[in-house]
Protein backbone atom coordinates (compact mmCIF):
# COMPACT_ATOMS: atom_id res chain seq x y z
CA UNK A 1 0.00 0.00 0.00
CA UNK A 2 1.44 3.37 -1.03
CA UNK A 3 1.35 6.32 1.34
CA UNK A 4 -0.71 9.27 0.14
CA UNK A 5 0.77 12.64 1.05
CA UNK A 6 -1.09 15.88 1.68
CA UNK A 7 0.21 17.36 -1.57
CA UNK A 8 -1.25 14.40 -3.45
CA UNK A 9 -4.66 15.07 -1.93
CA UNK A 10 -4.42 18.66 -3.20
CA UNK A 11 -3.38 17.39 -6.64
CA UNK A 12 -6.32 14.97 -6.65
CA UNK A 13 -8.78 17.69 -5.68
CA UNK A 14 -7.40 19.92 -8.44
CA UNK A 15 -7.43 17.23 -11.14
CA UNK A 16 -8.13 13.59 -10.39
CA UNK A 17 -6.93 12.43 -13.79
CA UNK A 18 -3.58 14.22 -13.41
CA UNK A 19 -3.17 12.67 -9.96
CA UNK A 20 -3.90 9.21 -11.33
CA UNK A 21 -1.35 9.68 -14.14
CA UNK A 22 1.26 10.73 -11.57
CA UNK A 23 0.54 7.64 -9.49
CA UNK A 24 0.98 5.46 -12.60
CA UNK A 25 4.34 7.09 -13.37
CA UNK A 26 3.24 8.66 -16.65
CA UNK A 27 5.47 11.69 -17.40
CA UNK A 28 3.79 15.06 -17.79
CA UNK A 29 3.42 16.38 -21.32
CA UNK A 30 3.71 20.03 -20.30
CA UNK A 31 7.27 20.06 -18.96
CA UNK A 32 8.05 23.39 -20.63
CA UNK A 33 5.17 25.10 -18.85
CA UNK A 34 6.13 23.49 -15.54
CA UNK A 35 9.74 24.66 -15.94
CA UNK A 36 8.54 28.18 -16.77
CA UNK A 37 6.35 28.15 -13.67
CA UNK A 38 9.27 27.01 -11.52
CA UNK A 39 11.44 29.81 -12.88
CA UNK A 40 8.70 32.34 -12.17
CA UNK A 41 8.37 31.05 -8.60
CA UNK A 42 12.14 31.38 -8.09
CA UNK A 43 12.13 34.93 -9.48
CA UNK A 44 9.23 35.85 -7.20
CA UNK A 45 11.10 34.40 -4.22
CA UNK A 46 14.16 36.52 -5.04
CA UNK A 47 12.02 39.66 -5.33
CA UNK A 48 10.33 38.85 -2.02
CA UNK A 49 13.68 38.37 -0.31
CA UNK A 50 14.93 41.66 -1.76
CA UNK A 51 11.88 43.57 -0.56
CA UNK A 52 12.18 42.03 2.91
CA UNK A 53 15.82 43.09 3.12
CA UNK A 54 14.96 46.61 1.99
CA UNK A 55 12.20 46.87 4.58
CA UNK A 56 14.59 45.70 7.30
CA UNK A 57 17.19 48.24 6.16
CA UNK A 58 14.54 50.99 6.19
CA UNK A 59 13.50 50.06 9.72
CA UNK A 60 17.11 50.13 10.90
CA UNK A 61 17.67 53.52 9.28
CA UNK A 62 14.51 54.88 10.89
CA UNK A 63 15.57 53.63 14.33
CA UNK A 64 19.04 55.13 13.83
CA UNK A 65 17.52 58.48 12.85
CA UNK A 66 15.26 58.44 15.91
CA UNK A 67 18.18 57.60 18.21
CA UNK A 68 20.22 60.45 16.72
CA UNK A 69 17.29 62.84 17.13
CA UNK A 70 16.84 61.86 20.77
CA UNK A 71 20.55 62.21 21.48
CA UNK A 72 20.63 65.60 19.72
CA UNK A 73 17.63 66.90 21.65
CA UNK A 74 19.01 65.55 24.93
CA UNK A 75 22.41 67.16 24.41
CA UNK A 76 20.93 70.46 23.27
CA UNK A 77 18.26 70.95 25.96
CA UNK A 78 19.84 69.27 28.99
């Protein structure tokens, strides 16, 4: 008896025939489209990582600016 994984259940719900072909070991006929999709997912992941890094850098710069402002005001008024 083969183990059915959660991803296979999702594949079956999406397309039962595709799931059955996968279980039989029949290769997919749309490899080019699948490769293009994988490349698009990788590109999206890189963009997401870049935006997360930029947001972190922005937060650090904001905190640095606030610390400098507080130190300036403290030194000037006290």
